[in-house]
Protein backbone atom coordinates (compact mmCIF):
# COMPACT_ATOMS: atom_id res chain seq x y z
CA UNK A 1 0.00 0.00 0.00
CA UNK A 2 1.37 3.40 -0.98
CA UNK A 3 0.72 6.37 1.27
CA UNK A 4 0.98 9.89 -0.03
CA UNK A 5 1.39 13.05 2.01
CA UNK A 6 0.69 16.47 0.54
CA UNK A 7 2.48 19.12 2.63
CA UNK A 8 0.02 21.73 1.35
CA UNK A 9 -3.04 20.06 2.93
CA UNK A 10 -4.37 20.05 6.50
CA UNK A 11 -4.39 16.62 8.19
CA UNK A 12 -5.79 15.28 11.43
CA UNK A 13 -5.15 11.77 12.80
CA UNK A 14 -7.00 10.28 15.77
CA UNK A 15 -4.45 8.98 18.30
CA UNK A 16 -6.61 8.12 21.31
CA UNK A 17 -10.25 8.22 22.34
CA UNK A 18 -11.81 7.65 25.75
CA UNK A 19 -15.29 7.45 27.16
CA UNK A 20 -14.38 8.84 30.58
CA UNK A 21 -12.74 12.06 29.50
CA UNK A 22 -9.16 13.25 29.23
CA UNK A 23 -7.91 14.91 32.39
CA UNK A 24 -5.02 17.37 32.72
CA UNK A 25 -3.97 17.27 29.07
CA UNK A 26 -1.35 19.85 28.17
CA UNK A 27 0.01 19.97 24.63
CA UNK A 28 3.06 21.80 25.99
CA UNK A 29 4.20 18.52 27.59
CA UNK A 30 4.65 16.87 24.17
CA UNK A 31 7.25 17.39 21.46
CA UNK A 32 6.53 16.21 17.94
CA UNK A 33 9.86 15.79 16.16
CA UNK A 34 9.15 15.56 12.45
CA UNK A 35 12.70 16.31 11.27
CA UNK A 36 13.03 12.86 9.68
CA UNK A 37 10.10 13.62 7.36
CA UNK A 38 12.13 16.23 5.51
CA UNK A 39 9.36 18.82 5.38
CA UNK A 40 10.39 22.41 4.69
CA UNK A 41 7.27 23.96 6.20
CA UNK A 42 4.18 23.17 8.22
CA UNK A 43 3.80 22.14 11.83
CA UNK A 44 2.58 19.15 13.80
CA UNK A 45 0.70 19.53 17.07
CA UNK A 46 -1.24 17.39 19.52
CA UNK A 47 -4.76 18.67 20.07
CA UNK A 48 -7.63 17.62 22.31
CA UNK A 49 -11.21 17.67 21.08
CA UNK A 50 -13.60 16.43 23.74
CA UNK A 51 -12.66 12.86 24.65
CA UNK A 52 -10.19 12.48 21.76
CA UNK A 53 -6.52 13.27 21.12
CA UNK A 54 -5.44 14.13 17.59
CA UNK A 55 -2.14 14.67 15.83
CA UNK A 56 -2.75 17.67 13.57
CA UNK A 57 -0.66 18.90 10.67
CA UNK A 58 -1.13 22.51 9.55
CA UNK A 59 0.56 23.67 6.35
CA UNK A 60 2.26 27.04 6.06
CA UNK A 61 0.79 29.04 3.17
CA UNK A 62 3.07 29.50 0.19
CA UNK A 63 4.58 33.00 -0.04
CA UNK A 64 3.06 33.38 -3.51
CA UNK A 65 -0.45 32.95 -2.08
CA UNK A 66 0.18 35.66 0.52
CA UNK A 67 1.65 37.93 -2.16
CA UNK A 68 -1.37 37.44 -4.43
CA UNK A 69 -3.74 38.26 -1.56
CA UNK A 70 -1.72 41.41 -0.79
CA UNK A 71 -1.80 42.50 -4.43
CA UNK A 72 -5.55 41.91 -4.63
CA UNK A 73 -6.13 43.95 -1.46
CA UNK A 74 -4.01 46.81 -2.84
CA UNK A 75 -5.93 46.75 -6.13
CA UNK A 76 -9.25 47.00 -4.29
CA UNK A 77 -7.92 49.87 -2.15
CA UNK A 78 -6.51 51.77 -5.15
CA UNK A 79 -9.73 51.25 -7.11
CA UNK A 80 -11.79 52.62 -4.23
CA UNK A 81 -9.50 55.65 -3.90
CA UNK A 82 -9.68 56.39 -7.64
CA UNK A 83 -13.47 56.20 -7.62
CA UNK A 84 -13.59 58.53 -4.63
CA UNK A 85 -11.25 61.07 -6.29
CA UNK A 86 -13.33 61.13 -9.50
CA UNK A 87 -16.44 62.30 -7.63
PDB file of N, CA and C in Angstrom:
ATOM      1  N   UNK A   1       0.843  -1.177   0.000  1.00  0.00           N
ATOM      2  CA  UNK A   1       0.000   0.000   0.000  1.00  0.00           C
ATOM      3  C   UNK A   1       0.888   1.240   0.000  1.00  0.00           C
ATOM      4  N   UNK A   2       0.595   2.160  -0.883  1.00  0.00           N
ATOM      5  CA  UNK A   2       1.369   3.397  -0.976  1.00  0.00           C
ATOM      6  C   UNK A   2       0.619   4.527  -0.287  1.00  0.00           C
ATOM      7  N   UNK A   3       1.313   5.220   0.589  1.00  0.00           N
ATOM      8  CA  UNK A   3       0.724   6.372   1.265  1.00  0.00           C
ATOM      9  C   UNK A   3       1.303   7.638   0.671  1.00  0.00           C
ATOM     10  N   UNK A   4       0.475   8.621   0.488  1.00  0.00           N
ATOM     11  CA  UNK A   4       0.984   9.889  -0.030  1.00  0.00           C
ATOM     12  C   UNK A   4       0.656  10.984   0.975  1.00  0.00           C
ATOM     13  N   UNK A   5       1.554  11.921   1.086  1.00  0.00           N
ATOM     14  CA  UNK A   5       1.394  13.048   2.010  1.00  0.00           C
ATOM     15  C   UNK A   5       1.604  14.322   1.222  1.00  0.00           C
ATOM     16  N   UNK A   6       0.616  15.181   1.227  1.00  0.00           N
ATOM     17  CA  UNK A   6       0.687  16.469   0.543  1.00  0.00           C
ATOM     18  C   UNK A   6       0.921  17.542   1.604  1.00  0.00           C
ATOM     19  N   UNK A   7       2.120  18.138   1.607  1.00  0.00           N
ATOM     20  CA  UNK A   7       2.483  19.122   2.630  1.00  0.00           C
ATOM     21  C   UNK A   7       1.661  20.400   2.533  1.00  0.00           C
ATOM     22  N   UNK A   8       0.867  20.556   1.491  1.00  0.00           N
ATOM     23  CA  UNK A   8       0.021  21.735   1.346  1.00  0.00           C
ATOM     24  C   UNK A   8      -1.387  21.544   1.885  1.00  0.00           C
ATOM     25  N   UNK A   9      -1.697  20.351   2.402  1.00  0.00           N
ATOM     26  CA  UNK A   9      -3.041  20.057   2.931  1.00  0.00           C
ATOM     27  C   UNK A   9      -3.027  19.983   4.452  1.00  0.00           C
ATOM     28  N   UNK A  10      -4.182  20.200   5.056  1.00  0.00           N
ATOM     29  CA  UNK A  10      -4.372  20.053   6.505  1.00  0.00           C
ATOM     30  C   UNK A  10      -4.732  18.592   6.782  1.00  0.00           C
ATOM     31  N   UNK A  11      -4.103  18.007   7.806  1.00  0.00           N
ATOM     32  CA  UNK A  11      -4.389  16.622   8.186  1.00  0.00           C
ATOM     33  C   UNK A  11      -4.704  16.553   9.674  1.00  0.00           C
ATOM     34  N   UNK A  12      -5.467  15.522  10.034  1.00  0.00           N
ATOM     35  CA  UNK A  12      -5.786  15.279  11.435  1.00  0.00           C
ATOM     36  C   UNK A  12      -5.929  13.768  11.626  1.00  0.00           C
ATOM     37  N   UNK A  13      -5.119  13.208  12.526  1.00  0.00           N
ATOM     38  CA  UNK A  13      -5.150  11.774  12.796  1.00  0.00           C
ATOM     39  C   UNK A  13      -5.580  11.536  14.237  1.00  0.00           C
ATOM     40  N   UNK A  14      -6.541  10.645  14.435  1.00  0.00           N
ATOM     41  CA  UNK A  14      -7.001  10.276  15.773  1.00  0.00           C
ATOM     42  C   UNK A  14      -5.959   9.373  16.418  1.00  0.00           C
ATOM     43  N   UNK A  15      -5.448   9.779  17.588  1.00  0.00           N
ATOM     44  CA  UNK A  15      -4.451   8.977  18.303  1.00  0.00           C
ATOM     45  C   UNK A  15      -5.069   8.173  19.429  1.00  0.00           C
ATOM     46  N   UNK A  16      -5.995   8.791  20.166  1.00  0.00           N
ATOM     47  CA  UNK A  16      -6.608   8.122  21.308  1.00  0.00           C
ATOM     48  C   UNK A  16      -7.999   8.679  21.534  1.00  0.00           C
ATOM     49  N   UNK A  17      -8.881   7.806  22.043  1.00  0.00           N
ATOM     50  CA  UNK A  17     -10.246   8.220  22.339  1.00  0.00           C
ATOM     51  C   UNK A  17     -10.695   7.502  23.606  1.00  0.00           C
ATOM     52  N   UNK A  18     -11.346   8.233  24.498  1.00  0.00           N
ATOM     53  CA  UNK A  18     -11.811   7.649  25.749  1.00  0.00           C
ATOM     54  C   UNK A  18     -13.302   7.900  25.909  1.00  0.00           C
ATOM     55  N   UNK A  19     -13.882   7.199  26.852  1.00  0.00           N
ATOM     56  CA  UNK A  19     -15.294   7.448  27.164  1.00  0.00           C
ATOM     57  C   UNK A  19     -15.414   8.176  28.500  1.00  0.00           C
ATOM     58  N   UNK A  20     -14.324   8.214  29.255  1.00  0.00           N
ATOM     59  CA  UNK A  20     -14.376   8.836  30.576  1.00  0.00           C
ATOM     60  C   UNK A  20     -13.767  10.227  30.635  1.00  0.00           C
ATOM     61  N   UNK A  21     -13.331  10.727  29.515  1.00  0.00           N
ATOM     62  CA  UNK A  21     -12.743  12.064  29.502  1.00  0.00           C
ATOM     63  C   UNK A  21     -11.229  12.022  29.594  1.00  0.00           C
ATOM     64  N   UNK A  22     -10.609  13.107  29.175  1.00  0.00           N
ATOM     65  CA  UNK A  22      -9.159  13.250  29.230  1.00  0.00           C
ATOM     66  C   UNK A  22      -8.867  14.341  30.247  1.00  0.00           C
ATOM     67  N   UNK A  23      -8.167  13.969  31.304  1.00  0.00           N
ATOM     68  CA  UNK A  23      -7.908  14.906  32.393  1.00  0.00           C
ATOM     69  C   UNK A  23      -6.488  15.444  32.317  1.00  0.00           C
ATOM     70  N   UNK A  24      -6.330  16.711  32.594  1.00  0.00           N
ATOM     71  CA  UNK A  24      -5.023  17.369  32.718  1.00  0.00           C
ATOM     72  C   UNK A  24      -4.164  17.254  31.465  1.00  0.00           C
ATOM     73  N   UNK A  25      -4.757  17.313  30.300  1.00  0.00           N
ATOM     74  CA  UNK A  25      -3.972  17.266  29.070  1.00  0.00           C
ATOM     75  C   UNK A  25      -3.344  18.633  28.829  1.00  0.00           C
ATOM     76  N   UNK A  26      -2.059  18.615  28.506  1.00  0.00           N
ATOM     77  CA  UNK A  26      -1.353  19.850  28.167  1.00  0.00           C
ATOM     78  C   UNK A  26      -0.464  19.573  26.963  1.00  0.00           C
ATOM     79  N   UNK A  27      -0.784  20.216  25.837  1.00  0.00           N
ATOM     80  CA  UNK A  27       0.007  19.966  24.630  1.00  0.00           C
ATOM     81  C   UNK A  27       1.439  20.443  24.779  1.00  0.00           C
ATOM     82  N   UNK A  28       1.705  21.316  25.749  1.00  0.00           N
ATOM     83  CA  UNK A  28       3.063  21.798  25.993  1.00  0.00           C
ATOM     84  C   UNK A  28       3.975  20.707  26.535  1.00  0.00           C
ATOM     85  N   UNK A  29       3.417  19.618  27.029  1.00  0.00           N
ATOM     86  CA  UNK A  29       4.203  18.517  27.586  1.00  0.00           C
ATOM     87  C   UNK A  29       4.689  17.545  26.521  1.00  0.00           C
ATOM     88  N   UNK A  30       4.303  17.775  25.260  1.00  0.00           N
ATOM     89  CA  UNK A  30       4.655  16.873  24.170  1.00  0.00           C
ATOM     90  C   UNK A  30       5.494  17.600  23.128  1.00  0.00           C
ATOM     91  N   UNK A  31       6.430  16.870  22.556  1.00  0.00           N
ATOM     92  CA  UNK A  31       7.245  17.388  21.461  1.00  0.00           C
ATOM     93  C   UNK A  31       7.076  16.454  20.275  1.00  0.00           C
ATOM     94  N   UNK A  32       6.663  17.004  19.158  1.00  0.00           N
ATOM     95  CA  UNK A  32       6.531  16.215  17.935  1.00  0.00           C
ATOM     96  C   UNK A  32       7.733  16.557  17.069  1.00  0.00           C
ATOM     97  N   UNK A  33       8.648  15.597  16.950  1.00  0.00           N
ATOM     98  CA  UNK A  33       9.864  15.790  16.156  1.00  0.00           C
ATOM     99  C   UNK A  33       9.644  15.179  14.777  1.00  0.00           C
ATOM    100  N   UNK A  34       9.418  16.028  13.808  1.00  0.00           N
ATOM    101  CA  UNK A  34       9.147  15.562  12.450  1.00  0.00           C
ATOM    102  C   UNK A  34      10.329  15.819  11.516  1.00  0.00           C
ATOM    103  N   UNK A  35      11.512  15.992  12.075  1.00  0.00           N
ATOM    104  CA  UNK A  35      12.697  16.308  11.269  1.00  0.00           C
ATOM    105  C   UNK A  35      12.991  15.221  10.242  1.00  0.00           C
ATOM    106  N   UNK A  36      12.729  13.969  10.590  1.00  0.00           N
ATOM    107  CA  UNK A  36      13.031  12.862   9.683  1.00  0.00           C
ATOM    108  C   UNK A  36      12.118  12.842   8.458  1.00  0.00           C
ATOM    109  N   UNK A  37      11.023  13.594   8.503  1.00  0.00           N
ATOM    110  CA  UNK A  37      10.101  13.620   7.363  1.00  0.00           C
ATOM    111  C   UNK A  37      10.603  14.499   6.229  1.00  0.00           C
ATOM    112  N   UNK A  38      11.559  15.380   6.536  1.00  0.00           N
ATOM    113  CA  UNK A  38      12.134  16.232   5.508  1.00  0.00           C
ATOM    114  C   UNK A  38      11.197  17.308   4.980  1.00  0.00           C
ATOM    115  N   UNK A  39      10.280  17.769   5.806  1.00  0.00           N
ATOM    116  CA  UNK A  39       9.356  18.823   5.384  1.00  0.00           C
ATOM    117  C   UNK A  39       9.997  20.186   5.582  1.00  0.00           C
ATOM    118  N   UNK A  40       9.828  21.064   4.600  1.00  0.00           N
ATOM    119  CA  UNK A  40      10.390  22.411   4.694  1.00  0.00           C
ATOM    120  C   UNK A  40       9.492  23.366   5.466  1.00  0.00           C
ATOM    121  N   UNK A  41       8.210  23.054   5.528  1.00  0.00           N
ATOM    122  CA  UNK A  41       7.275  23.958   6.197  1.00  0.00           C
ATOM    123  C   UNK A  41       6.158  23.146   6.837  1.00  0.00           C
ATOM    124  N   UNK A  42       5.285  23.842   7.546  1.00  0.00           N
ATOM    125  CA  UNK A  42       4.181  23.172   8.217  1.00  0.00           C
ATOM    126  C   UNK A  42       4.552  22.817   9.639  1.00  0.00           C
ATOM    127  N   UNK A  43       3.539  22.485  10.430  1.00  0.00           N
ATOM    128  CA  UNK A  43       3.797  22.140  11.826  1.00  0.00           C
ATOM    129  C   UNK A  43       2.849  21.041  12.290  1.00  0.00           C
ATOM    130  N   UNK A  44       3.362  20.205  13.174  1.00  0.00           N
ATOM    131  CA  UNK A  44       2.582  19.152  13.803  1.00  0.00           C
ATOM    132  C   UNK A  44       2.269  19.567  15.236  1.00  0.00           C
ATOM    133  N   UNK A  45       1.103  19.170  15.712  1.00  0.00           N
ATOM    134  CA  UNK A  45       0.700  19.535  17.068  1.00  0.00           C
ATOM    135  C   UNK A  45      -0.299  18.509  17.592  1.00  0.00           C
ATOM    136  N   UNK A  46      -0.228  18.218  18.885  1.00  0.00           N
ATOM    137  CA  UNK A  46      -1.236  17.388  19.524  1.00  0.00           C
ATOM    138  C   UNK A  46      -2.374  18.285  19.976  1.00  0.00           C
ATOM    139  N   UNK A  47      -3.600  17.885  19.665  1.00  0.00           N
ATOM    140  CA  UNK A  47      -4.762  18.668  20.074  1.00  0.00           C
ATOM    141  C   UNK A  47      -5.790  17.760  20.733  1.00  0.00           C
ATOM    142  N   UNK A  48      -6.550  18.339  21.638  1.00  0.00           N
ATOM    143  CA  UNK A  48      -7.629  17.617  22.313  1.00  0.00           C
ATOM    144  C   UNK A  48      -8.956  18.185  21.841  1.00  0.00           C
ATOM    145  N   UNK A  49      -9.851  17.288  21.453  1.00  0.00           N
ATOM    146  CA  UNK A  49     -11.208  17.666  21.084  1.00  0.00           C
ATOM    147  C   UNK A  49     -12.150  16.748  21.839  1.00  0.00           C
ATOM    148  N   UNK A  50     -12.719  17.264  22.918  1.00  0.00           N
ATOM    149  CA  UNK A  50     -13.604  16.434  23.738  1.00  0.00           C
ATOM    150  C   UNK A  50     -12.846  15.298  24.372  1.00  0.00           C
ATOM    151  N   UNK A  51     -13.275  14.063  24.091  1.00  0.00           N
ATOM    152  CA  UNK A  51     -12.658  12.863  24.651  1.00  0.00           C
ATOM    153  C   UNK A  51     -11.631  12.240  23.704  1.00  0.00           C
ATOM    154  N   UNK A  52     -11.109  13.020  22.765  1.00  0.00           N
ATOM    155  CA  UNK A  52     -10.190  12.483  21.762  1.00  0.00           C
ATOM    156  C   UNK A  52      -8.913  13.309  21.679  1.00  0.00           C
ATOM    157  N   UNK A  53      -7.806  12.623  21.388  1.00  0.00           N
ATOM    158  CA  UNK A  53      -6.524  13.275  21.119  1.00  0.00           C
ATOM    159  C   UNK A  53      -6.189  13.078  19.647  1.00  0.00           C
ATOM    160  N   UNK A  54      -5.771  14.159  19.003  1.00  0.00           N
ATOM    161  CA  UNK A  54      -5.441  14.126  17.587  1.00  0.00           C
ATOM    162  C   UNK A  54      -4.030  14.633  17.364  1.00  0.00           C
ATOM    163  N   UNK A  55      -3.372  14.099  16.349  1.00  0.00           N
ATOM    164  CA  UNK A  55      -2.142  14.669  15.827  1.00  0.00           C
ATOM    165  C   UNK A  55      -2.568  15.467  14.608  1.00  0.00           C
ATOM    166  N   UNK A  56      -2.294  16.768  14.615  1.00  0.00           N
ATOM    167  CA  UNK A  56      -2.749  17.670  13.567  1.00  0.00           C
ATOM    168  C   UNK A  56      -1.556  18.241  12.818  1.00  0.00           C
ATOM    169  N   UNK A  57      -1.665  18.269  11.499  1.00  0.00           N
ATOM    170  CA  UNK A  57      -0.656  18.903  10.668  1.00  0.00           C
ATOM    171  C   UNK A  57      -1.291  20.122  10.013  1.00  0.00           C
ATOM    172  N   UNK A  58      -0.654  21.277  10.171  1.00  0.00           N
ATOM    173  CA  UNK A  58      -1.129  22.511   9.550  1.00  0.00           C
ATOM    174  C   UNK A  58      -0.066  23.029   8.590  1.00  0.00           C
ATOM    175  N   UNK A  59      -0.412  23.172   7.320  1.00  0.00           N
ATOM    176  CA  UNK A  59       0.561  23.670   6.354  1.00  0.00           C
ATOM    177  C   UNK A  59       0.784  25.164   6.514  1.00  0.00           C
ATOM    178  N   UNK A  60       1.957  25.607   6.094  1.00  0.00           N
ATOM    179  CA  UNK A  60       2.261  27.037   6.059  1.00  0.00           C
ATOM    180  C   UNK A  60       1.922  27.510   4.649  1.00  0.00           C
ATOM    181  N   UNK A  61       1.140  28.575   4.516  1.00  0.00           N
ATOM    182  CA  UNK A  61       0.794  29.040   3.170  1.00  0.00           C
ATOM    183  C   UNK A  61       2.036  29.418   2.364  1.00  0.00           C
ATOM    184  N   UNK A  62       1.979  29.136   1.088  1.00  0.00           N
ATOM    185  CA  UNK A  62       3.073  29.497   0.190  1.00  0.00           C
ATOM    186  C   UNK A  62       3.198  31.016   0.136  1.00  0.00           C
ATOM    187  N   UNK A  63       4.404  31.540   0.051  1.00  0.00           N
ATOM    188  CA  UNK A  63       4.575  32.995  -0.043  1.00  0.00           C
ATOM    189  C   UNK A  63       3.848  33.596  -1.250  1.00  0.00           C
ATOM    190  N   UNK A  64       3.735  32.844  -2.328  1.00  0.00           N
ATOM    191  CA  UNK A  64       3.059  33.377  -3.511  1.00  0.00           C
ATOM    192  C   UNK A  64       1.575  33.611  -3.243  1.00  0.00           C
ATOM    193  N   UNK A  65       0.969  32.769  -2.429  1.00  0.00           N
ATOM    194  CA  UNK A  65      -0.449  32.951  -2.080  1.00  0.00           C
ATOM    195  C   UNK A  65      -0.613  34.235  -1.268  1.00  0.00           C
ATOM    196  N   UNK A  66       0.251  34.437  -0.289  1.00  0.00           N
ATOM    197  CA  UNK A  66       0.184  35.658   0.520  1.00  0.00           C
ATOM    198  C   UNK A  66       0.435  36.887  -0.342  1.00  0.00           C
ATOM    199  N   UNK A  67       1.360  36.792  -1.280  1.00  0.00           N
ATOM    200  CA  UNK A  67       1.648  37.927  -2.163  1.00  0.00           C
ATOM    201  C   UNK A  67       0.450  38.239  -3.048  1.00  0.00           C
ATOM    202  N   UNK A  68      -0.194  37.215  -3.578  1.00  0.00           N
ATOM    203  CA  UNK A  68      -1.370  37.442  -4.426  1.00  0.00           C
ATOM    204  C   UNK A  68      -2.507  38.081  -3.632  1.00  0.00           C
ATOM    205  N   UNK A  69      -2.708  37.651  -2.397  1.00  0.00           N
ATOM    206  CA  UNK A  69      -3.738  38.260  -1.559  1.00  0.00           C
ATOM    207  C   UNK A  69      -3.405  39.724  -1.278  1.00  0.00           C
ATOM    208  N   UNK A  70      -2.144  40.024  -1.037  1.00  0.00           N
ATOM    209  CA  UNK A  70      -1.725  41.406  -0.794  1.00  0.00           C
ATOM    210  C   UNK A  70      -1.933  42.283  -2.018  1.00  0.00           C
ATOM    211  N   UNK A  71      -1.604  41.759  -3.184  1.00  0.00           N
ATOM    212  CA  UNK A  71      -1.797  42.503  -4.426  1.00  0.00           C
ATOM    213  C   UNK A  71      -3.278  42.755  -4.684  1.00  0.00           C
ATOM    214  N   UNK A  72      -4.104  41.750  -4.437  1.00  0.00           N
ATOM    215  CA  UNK A  72      -5.549  41.915  -4.635  1.00  0.00           C
ATOM    216  C   UNK A  72      -6.107  42.964  -3.678  1.00  0.00           C
ATOM    217  N   UNK A  73      -5.663  42.954  -2.435  1.00  0.00           N
ATOM    218  CA  UNK A  73      -6.131  43.947  -1.456  1.00  0.00           C
ATOM    219  C   UNK A  73      -5.709  45.352  -1.880  1.00  0.00           C
ATOM    220  N   UNK A  74      -4.481  45.491  -2.379  1.00  0.00           N
ATOM    221  CA  UNK A  74      -4.014  46.806  -2.836  1.00  0.00           C
ATOM    222  C   UNK A  74      -4.826  47.277  -4.044  1.00  0.00           C
ATOM    223  N   UNK A  75      -5.147  46.381  -4.951  1.00  0.00           N
ATOM    224  CA  UNK A  75      -5.929  46.749  -6.134  1.00  0.00           C
ATOM    225  C   UNK A  75      -7.316  47.242  -5.731  1.00  0.00           C
ATOM    226  N   UNK A  76      -7.940  46.572  -4.777  1.00  0.00           N
ATOM    227  CA  UNK A  76      -9.254  47.004  -4.292  1.00  0.00           C
ATOM    228  C   UNK A  76      -9.141  48.376  -3.637  1.00  0.00           C
ATOM    229  N   UNK A  77      -8.117  48.583  -2.831  1.00  0.00           N
ATOM    230  CA  UNK A  77      -7.923  49.868  -2.151  1.00  0.00           C
ATOM    231  C   UNK A  77      -7.688  50.987  -3.162  1.00  0.00           C
ATOM    232  N   UNK A  78      -6.818  50.750  -4.139  1.00  0.00           N
ATOM    233  CA  UNK A  78      -6.513  51.769  -5.146  1.00  0.00           C
ATOM    234  C   UNK A  78      -7.757  52.074  -5.983  1.00  0.00           C
ATOM    235  N   UNK A  79      -8.499  51.040  -6.350  1.00  0.00           N
ATOM    236  CA  UNK A  79      -9.731  51.245  -7.110  1.00  0.00           C
ATOM    237  C   UNK A  79     -10.736  52.094  -6.350  1.00  0.00           C
ATOM    238  N   UNK A  80     -10.867  51.838  -5.060  1.00  0.00           N
ATOM    239  CA  UNK A  80     -11.794  52.618  -4.230  1.00  0.00           C
ATOM    240  C   UNK A  80     -11.330  54.071  -4.134  1.00  0.00           C
ATOM    241  N   UNK A  81     -10.034  54.281  -3.983  1.00  0.00           N
ATOM    242  CA  UNK A  81      -9.495  55.653  -3.898  1.00  0.00           C
ATOM    243  C   UNK A  81      -9.711  56.410  -5.214  1.00  0.00           C
ATOM    244  N   UNK A  82      -9.483  55.749  -6.346  1.00  0.00           N
ATOM    245  CA  UNK A  82      -9.677  56.391  -7.641  1.00  0.00           C
ATOM    246  C   UNK A  82     -11.136  56.781  -7.863  1.00  0.00           C
ATOM    247  N   UNK A  83     -12.051  55.880  -7.486  1.00  0.00           N
ATOM    248  CA  UNK A  83     -13.470  56.202  -7.621  1.00  0.00           C
ATOM    249  C   UNK A  83     -13.862  57.378  -6.746  1.00  0.00           C
ATOM    250  N   UNK A  84     -13.283  57.427  -5.560  1.00  0.00           N
ATOM    251  CA  UNK A  84     -13.586  58.527  -4.625  1.00  0.00           C
ATOM    252  C   UNK A  84     -13.046  59.856  -5.155  1.00  0.00           C
ATOM    253  N   UNK A  85     -11.855  59.833  -5.759  1.00  0.00           N
ATOM    254  CA  UNK A  85     -11.246  61.068  -6.294  1.00  0.00           C
ATOM    255  C   UNK A  85     -11.990  61.596  -7.516  1.00  0.00           C
ATOM    256  N   UNK A  86     -12.616  60.717  -8.282  1.00  0.00           N
ATOM    257  CA  UNK A  86     -13.332  61.126  -9.496  1.00  0.00           C
ATOM    258  C   UNK A  86     -14.650  61.825  -9.169  1.00  0.00           C
ATOM    259  N   UNK A  87     -15.145  61.678  -7.992  1.00  0.00           N
ATOM    260  CA  UNK A  87     -16.435  62.295  -7.628  1.00  0.00           C
ATOM    261  C   UNK A  87     -16.317  63.736  -7.357  1.00  0.00           C
TER     262      UNK A  87
END
